[in-house]
Amino acid sequence: MGDFPFTDPDTHRYEGPTLIVRGSHSHYVADETLPVIGRFFPRFELRDVEAGHWLISEKPEEFRRVVVEFLQDKD
């Protein structure tokens, strides 16, 4: 996960709902990192957007839709 500052998910963990949005053409959040992400964020949900690393700029409406759906589901 790049330069994520924590290395021990047993001492640094967030138990709340977490949304991970990644561009499907980017290798920044690789499938291989998902188990580690799950240890730090056990309730994470993953959404892929058909875009590269700059998905917010490339597909702003799709990004917005994914985030709004995630937040609405938490009501």
C-alpha atoms as a PDB file:
ATOM      1  CA  MET A   1       0.000   0.000   0.000  1.00  0.00           C
ATOM      2  CA  GLY A   2       2.650   2.483  -0.937  1.00  0.00           C
ATOM      3  CA  ASP A   3       4.093   4.200   2.104  1.00  0.00           C
ATOM      4  CA  PHE A   4       1.338   3.283   4.543  1.00  0.00           C
ATOM      5  CA  PRO A   5       2.800   4.403   7.875  1.00  0.00           C
ATOM      6  CA  PHE A   6       1.825   1.421  10.017  1.00  0.00           C
ATOM      7  CA  THR A   7       3.300  -2.032   9.820  1.00  0.00           C
ATOM      8  CA  ASP A   8       1.449  -3.944  12.534  1.00  0.00           C
ATOM      9  CA  PRO A   9      -2.302  -4.403  12.034  1.00  0.00           C
ATOM     10  CA  ASP A  10      -2.540  -5.929  15.495  1.00  0.00           C
ATOM     11  CA  THR A  11      -1.704  -2.549  17.072  1.00  0.00           C
ATOM     12  CA  HIS A  12      -3.195  -0.167  14.469  1.00  0.00           C
ATOM     13  CA  ARG A  13      -6.603  -1.190  13.210  1.00  0.00           C
ATOM     14  CA  TYR A  14      -9.761   0.654  12.226  1.00  0.00           C
ATOM     15  CA  GLU A  15     -12.898  -1.391  12.872  1.00  0.00           C
ATOM     16  CA  GLY A  16     -15.389   0.946  11.188  1.00  0.00           C
ATOM     17  CA  PRO A  17     -16.750   0.722   7.659  1.00  0.00           C
ATOM     18  CA  THR A  18     -14.090   1.594   5.103  1.00  0.00           C
ATOM     19  CA  LEU A  19     -14.372   2.170   1.380  1.00  0.00           C
ATOM     20  CA  ILE A  20     -11.393   1.434  -0.866  1.00  0.00           C
ATOM     21  CA  VAL A  21     -11.902   2.791  -4.386  1.00  0.00           C
ATOM     22  CA  ARG A  22      -9.308   1.849  -6.953  1.00  0.00           C
ATOM     23  CA  GLY A  23      -8.810   2.423 -10.629  1.00  0.00           C
ATOM     24  CA  SER A  24      -8.939  -0.878 -12.462  1.00  0.00           C
ATOM     25  CA  HIS A  25      -6.074   0.198 -14.743  1.00  0.00           C
ATOM     26  CA  SER A  26      -3.811   1.164 -11.833  1.00  0.00           C
ATOM     27  CA  HIS A  27      -1.513  -1.230 -10.002  1.00  0.00           C
ATOM     28  CA  TYR A  28      -1.348   0.950  -6.872  1.00  0.00           C
ATOM     29  CA  VAL A  29      -3.826  -1.165  -4.886  1.00  0.00           C
ATOM     30  CA  ALA A  30      -2.962  -4.605  -6.198  1.00  0.00           C
ATOM     31  CA  ASP A  31      -5.046  -7.685  -5.452  1.00  0.00           C
ATOM     32  CA  GLU A  32      -2.079  -9.034  -3.485  1.00  0.00           C
ATOM     33  CA  THR A  33      -2.435  -6.190  -0.948  1.00  0.00           C
ATOM     34  CA  LEU A  34      -6.100  -6.895  -0.179  1.00  0.00           C
ATOM     35  CA  PRO A  35      -5.390  -9.397   2.622  1.00  0.00           C
ATOM     36  CA  VAL A  36      -3.148  -6.831   4.342  1.00  0.00           C
ATOM     37  CA  ILE A  37      -5.748  -4.108   3.840  1.00  0.00           C
ATOM     38  CA  GLY A  38      -8.270  -6.443   5.427  1.00  0.00           C
ATOM     39  CA  ARG A  39      -6.118  -6.830   8.507  1.00  0.00           C
ATOM     40  CA  PHE A  40      -5.910  -3.048   9.015  1.00  0.00           C
ATOM     41  CA  PHE A  41      -9.513  -2.402   7.931  1.00  0.00           C
ATOM     42  CA  PRO A  42     -11.513  -5.581   8.641  1.00  0.00           C
ATOM     43  CA  ARG A  43     -14.790  -4.071   7.405  1.00  0.00           C
ATOM     44  CA  PHE A  44     -13.456  -2.660   4.146  1.00  0.00           C
ATOM     45  CA  GLU A  45     -15.424  -2.735   0.922  1.00  0.00           C
ATOM     46  CA  LEU A  46     -13.667  -2.584  -2.422  1.00  0.00           C
ATOM     47  CA  ARG A  47     -15.043  -0.812  -5.466  1.00  0.00           C
ATOM     48  CA  ASP A  48     -13.273  -0.760  -8.819  1.00  0.00           C
ATOM     49  CA  VAL A  49     -13.732   2.135 -11.223  1.00  0.00           C
ATOM     50  CA  GLU A  50     -12.770   1.683 -14.870  1.00  0.00           C
ATOM     51  CA  ALA A  51      -9.907   4.218 -14.742  1.00  0.00           C
ATOM     52  CA  GLY A  52      -6.239   4.639 -13.989  1.00  0.00           C
ATOM     53  CA  HIS A  53      -4.546   5.885 -10.827  1.00  0.00           C
ATOM     54  CA  TRP A  54      -6.174   9.344 -11.076  1.00  0.00           C
ATOM     55  CA  LEU A  55      -9.680   7.937 -11.091  1.00  0.00           C
ATOM     56  CA  ILE A  56     -11.202  10.965  -9.362  1.00  0.00           C
ATOM     57  CA  SER A  57     -10.070  13.156 -12.260  1.00  0.00           C
ATOM     58  CA  GLU A  58     -10.702  10.583 -14.968  1.00  0.00           C
ATOM     59  CA  LYS A  59     -14.157   9.448 -13.837  1.00  0.00           C
ATOM     60  CA  PRO A  60     -15.446  11.991 -11.286  1.00  0.00           C
ATOM     61  CA  GLU A  61     -19.126  11.083 -11.663  1.00  0.00           C
ATOM     62  CA  GLU A  62     -18.510   7.359 -11.272  1.00  0.00           C
ATOM     63  CA  PHE A  63     -16.296   8.012  -8.247  1.00  0.00           C
ATOM     64  CA  ARG A  64     -18.989  10.222  -6.702  1.00  0.00           C
ATOM     65  CA  ARG A  65     -21.654   7.577  -7.330  1.00  0.00           C
ATOM     66  CA  VAL A  66     -19.578   4.844  -5.660  1.00  0.00           C
ATOM     67  CA  VAL A  67     -18.922   7.001  -2.597  1.00  0.00           C
ATOM     68  CA  VAL A  68     -22.555   8.144  -2.280  1.00  0.00           C
ATOM     69  CA  GLU A  69     -23.797   4.537  -2.541  1.00  0.00           C
ATOM     70  CA  PHE A  70     -21.347   3.481   0.162  1.00  0.00           C
ATOM     71  CA  LEU A  71     -22.452   6.292   2.478  1.00  0.00           C
ATOM     72  CA  GLN A  72     -26.163   5.746   1.839  1.00  0.00           C
ATOM     73  CA  ASP A  73     -25.834   2.050   2.665  1.00  0.00           C
ATOM     74  CA  LYS A  74     -24.604   3.054   6.131  1.00  0.00           C
ATOM     75  CA  ASP A  75     -27.828   4.895   7.080  1.00  0.00           C
END
